Amino acid sequence: MKIVLPPENADVIAYIKDKRRRAVMPYIIWVAAVMILEIAFLFRYFSERINMPISILLWLILLLIPIVFRKVKMPKRSFEGVITEIRVKPSRGLWMRNGSGTMINPYSYKTWVIYNTIITVDIGGGKTKKVIYQDSEHENSYPYRVGDRVRYIWGMEYMQIMPDGDLKRYFICPFCRANLTLEDEKCGECGLSVPK
């Protein structure tokens, strides 16, 4: 589902385009570096290259390394729909404490909990979208609630709540998670205009 913002959202559109550009630029640089290496290798060892399939496999692995290790932020499809479920799933992790600057004592491990807020959005046609936010304070679901109509465009940090006319209801800035009202034209925190 492609969502196009109207022209009056000029600053938001510019922000999203810049964020997309920053997301893909590291991978473009990586691919360029691999290609330069390949060209240099071809010129240096062109007459000695016998096993072409292994060479192609090697360069393919180099190109896939950033994707496998999730260093590349792949585009996410835009969607719009209604929240049908919000649930919190805790997951535990480990961190090491070393306050004295000496070697880490394995017995000083501490456990911490990340709360995954999983929001299920019905986007129509029997299709759903699950959005996962992580927050150690377990507050990321606020102010989303079941029944809200939300919209997401790749480049936004958070889903935008589409207000239903209730002026008393706060909704979330899709870029910095600040609370906004229907009367706000710009976010008081990040300064971007509210996408219309």
Protein backbone atom coordinates (compact mmCIF):
# COMPACT_ATOMS: atom_id res chain seq x y z
CA MET A 1 0.00 0.00 0.00
CA LYS A 2 1.60 3.25 -1.13
CA ILE A 3 0.69 6.31 0.92
CA VAL A 4 1.51 9.70 -0.61
CA LEU A 5 1.59 12.77 1.60
CA PRO A 6 0.03 15.93 0.13
CA PRO A 7 2.33 18.82 -0.92
CA GLU A 8 1.66 20.90 2.21
CA ASN A 9 3.79 18.39 4.16
CA ALA A 10 6.97 19.74 2.52
CA ASP A 11 9.19 19.59 5.63
CA VAL A 12 7.94 16.10 6.56
CA ILE A 13 8.52 14.81 3.00
CA ALA A 14 12.04 16.29 3.02
CA TYR A 15 12.73 14.70 6.43
CA ILE A 16 11.54 11.26 5.26
CA LYS A 17 13.55 11.44 2.01
CA ASP A 18 16.68 12.40 3.96
CA LYS A 19 16.14 9.56 6.42
CA ARG A 20 15.68 7.05 3.58
CA ARG A 21 18.84 8.34 1.93
CA ARG A 22 20.80 7.97 5.16
CA ALA A 23 19.43 4.44 5.63
CA VAL A 24 20.60 3.11 2.25
CA MET A 25 23.82 5.13 1.84
CA PRO A 26 26.07 2.87 3.99
CA TYR A 27 25.10 -0.17 1.92
CA ILE A 28 25.68 1.71 -1.35
CA ILE A 29 29.16 2.61 -0.10
CA TRP A 30 29.77 -1.03 0.86
CA VAL A 31 28.67 -2.29 -2.60
CA ALA A 32 30.89 0.33 -4.28
CA ALA A 33 33.87 -0.79 -2.19
CA VAL A 34 33.25 -4.45 -3.07
CA MET A 35 32.94 -3.55 -6.77
CA ILE A 36 36.20 -1.56 -6.68
CA LEU A 37 37.90 -4.51 -5.03
CA GLU A 38 36.52 -6.83 -7.70
CA ILE A 39 37.72 -4.57 -10.52
CA ALA A 40 41.18 -4.32 -8.97
CA PHE A 41 41.25 -8.09 -8.56
CA LEU A 42 40.21 -8.59 -12.21
CA PHE A 43 42.93 -6.30 -13.55
CA ARG A 44 45.60 -7.87 -11.34
CA TYR A 45 44.74 -11.55 -11.75
CA PHE A 46 42.64 -11.64 -14.93
CA SER A 47 44.84 -14.22 -16.66
CA GLU A 48 45.04 -16.44 -13.59
CA ARG A 49 41.31 -16.58 -12.76
CA ILE A 50 40.19 -20.09 -13.54
CA ASN A 51 37.47 -20.93 -11.03
CA MET A 52 34.84 -18.28 -11.83
CA PRO A 53 31.87 -19.82 -9.86
CA ILE A 54 33.81 -19.76 -6.58
CA SER A 55 34.87 -16.18 -7.23
CA ILE A 56 31.25 -15.12 -7.90
CA LEU A 57 30.13 -16.89 -4.71
CA LEU A 58 32.83 -15.06 -2.72
CA TRP A 59 31.71 -11.62 -3.96
CA LEU A 60 28.07 -12.51 -3.40
CA ILE A 61 28.87 -13.38 0.22
CA LEU A 62 30.65 -10.04 0.63
CA LEU A 63 27.59 -8.21 -0.71
CA LEU A 64 25.25 -10.10 1.63
CA ILE A 65 27.28 -9.64 4.84
CA PRO A 66 25.62 -6.30 5.83
CA ILE A 67 22.15 -7.71 5.13
CA VAL A 68 22.76 -10.91 7.12
CA PHE A 69 24.04 -8.94 10.13
CA ARG A 70 21.13 -6.47 9.80
CA LYS A 71 23.35 -3.47 9.14
CA VAL A 72 21.12 -2.48 6.24
CA LYS A 73 17.71 -0.98 6.95
CA MET A 74 15.50 -2.44 4.26
CA PRO A 75 12.47 -0.41 3.15
CA LYS A 76 9.26 -1.19 5.04
CA ARG A 77 5.96 -1.12 3.23
CA SER A 78 3.60 1.73 4.09
CA PHE A 79 0.31 0.70 5.63
CA GLU A 80 -2.83 2.12 7.11
CA GLY A 81 -5.32 0.25 9.26
CA VAL A 82 -6.98 -0.28 12.63
CA ILE A 83 -5.24 -1.60 15.76
CA THR A 84 -6.85 -4.89 16.78
CA GLU A 85 -4.51 -6.03 19.56
CA ILE A 86 -1.80 -4.64 21.85
CA ARG A 87 0.24 -7.01 23.98
CA VAL A 88 3.49 -6.84 25.90
CA LYS A 89 5.98 -9.69 25.76
CA PRO A 90 8.94 -9.44 28.15
CA SER A 91 12.32 -10.87 27.18
CA ARG A 92 15.38 -11.14 29.40
CA GLY A 93 18.97 -10.24 28.56
CA LEU A 94 22.31 -9.91 30.31
CA TRP A 95 24.63 -7.01 30.87
CA MET A 96 27.98 -6.87 32.66
CA ARG A 97 28.84 -4.38 35.37
CA ASN A 98 32.42 -3.27 35.75
CA GLY A 99 32.54 -0.17 37.93
CA SER A 100 36.20 -0.35 38.96
CA GLY A 101 37.70 -0.53 35.47
CA THR A 102 39.31 -3.91 36.26
CA MET A 103 38.56 -7.27 34.67
CA ILE A 104 34.89 -8.20 34.63
CA ASN A 105 33.90 -10.65 37.31
CA PRO A 106 31.59 -13.29 35.77
CA TYR A 107 29.62 -13.36 39.04
CA SER A 108 28.67 -9.67 38.66
CA TYR A 109 26.28 -10.34 35.76
CA LYS A 110 22.95 -8.57 36.11
CA THR A 111 19.73 -9.42 34.34
CA TRP A 112 17.53 -6.80 32.71
CA VAL A 113 14.21 -7.02 30.98
CA ILE A 114 13.21 -5.62 27.59
CA TYR A 115 9.50 -5.32 27.04
CA ASN A 116 8.46 -5.90 23.44
CA THR A 117 5.21 -4.05 22.76
CA ILE A 118 3.60 -5.91 19.86
CA ILE A 119 0.84 -3.99 18.10
CA THR A 120 -1.29 -5.86 15.55
CA VAL A 121 -2.85 -3.68 12.84
CA ASP A 122 -5.64 -4.90 10.55
CA ILE A 123 -4.82 -3.41 7.13
CA GLY A 124 -7.83 -4.94 5.37
CA GLY A 125 -8.38 -7.86 3.04
CA GLY A 126 -7.64 -10.34 5.81
CA LYS A 127 -4.09 -9.00 6.17
CA THR A 128 -2.47 -7.85 9.40
CA LYS A 129 0.76 -6.09 10.26
CA LYS A 130 2.68 -6.58 13.51
CA VAL A 131 4.70 -3.61 14.76
CA ILE A 132 7.19 -4.26 17.56
CA TYR A 133 8.56 -1.52 19.80
CA GLN A 134 11.18 -2.24 22.46
CA ASP A 135 11.26 -0.32 25.70
CA SER A 136 12.80 -1.28 29.01
CA GLU A 137 10.22 0.92 30.73
CA HIS A 138 7.37 -0.79 28.85
CA GLU A 139 5.66 2.45 27.91
CA ASN A 140 5.88 2.25 24.13
CA SER A 141 2.26 1.28 23.61
CA TYR A 142 1.10 4.65 24.96
CA PRO A 143 -0.95 6.37 23.65
CA TYR A 144 -1.97 3.65 21.17
CA ARG A 145 -5.15 1.75 21.98
CA VAL A 146 -7.28 -0.91 20.32
CA GLY A 147 -9.57 0.62 17.70
CA ASP A 148 -7.21 3.43 16.71
CA ARG A 149 -6.74 4.06 12.98
CA VAL A 150 -3.01 4.36 12.36
CA ARG A 151 -0.74 5.08 9.41
CA TYR A 152 2.92 4.27 8.82
CA ILE A 153 5.28 5.48 6.09
CA TRP A 154 8.86 4.24 5.82
CA GLY A 155 11.02 6.91 7.46
CA MET A 156 8.70 7.51 10.40
CA GLU A 157 9.86 6.30 13.81
CA TYR A 158 6.33 5.56 15.03
CA MET A 159 2.89 4.94 13.63
CA GLN A 160 0.79 8.08 13.28
CA ILE A 161 -2.64 8.00 14.87
CA MET A 162 -5.33 9.34 12.54
CA PRO A 163 -7.56 11.39 14.90
CA ASP A 164 -11.28 10.66 14.85
CA GLY A 165 -12.41 14.13 15.88
CA ASP A 166 -12.01 13.80 19.64
CA LEU A 167 -10.19 17.01 20.58
CA LYS A 168 -9.51 15.75 24.10
CA ARG A 169 -7.57 12.79 22.77
CA TYR A 170 -3.81 13.10 22.49
CA PHE A 171 -2.15 11.35 19.59
CA ILE A 172 1.46 10.52 18.90
CA CYS A 173 4.02 12.38 16.80
CA PRO A 174 5.25 9.84 14.22
CA PHE A 175 8.81 11.11 14.55
CA CYS A 176 9.58 11.70 18.23
CA ARG A 177 6.63 10.15 20.11
CA ALA A 178 5.52 13.43 21.67
CA ASN A 179 1.86 13.91 22.54
CA LEU A 180 -0.06 16.16 20.15
CA THR A 181 -3.61 17.37 19.79
CA LEU A 182 -5.71 17.91 16.68
CA GLU A 183 -5.10 21.64 17.03
CA ASP A 184 -1.30 21.31 16.76
CA GLU A 185 0.17 22.12 13.37
CA LYS A 186 3.77 21.45 14.43
CA CYS A 187 5.28 19.15 17.03
CA GLY A 188 6.58 21.05 20.03
CA GLU A 189 9.44 18.57 20.49
CA CYS A 190 10.89 17.90 17.03
CA GLY A 191 9.44 20.89 15.18
CA LEU A 192 8.10 18.90 12.22
CA SER A 193 4.62 19.64 10.98
CA VAL A 194 2.00 17.01 11.72
CA PRO A 195 1.52 14.87 8.55
CA LYS A 196 -1.93 15.48 7.11
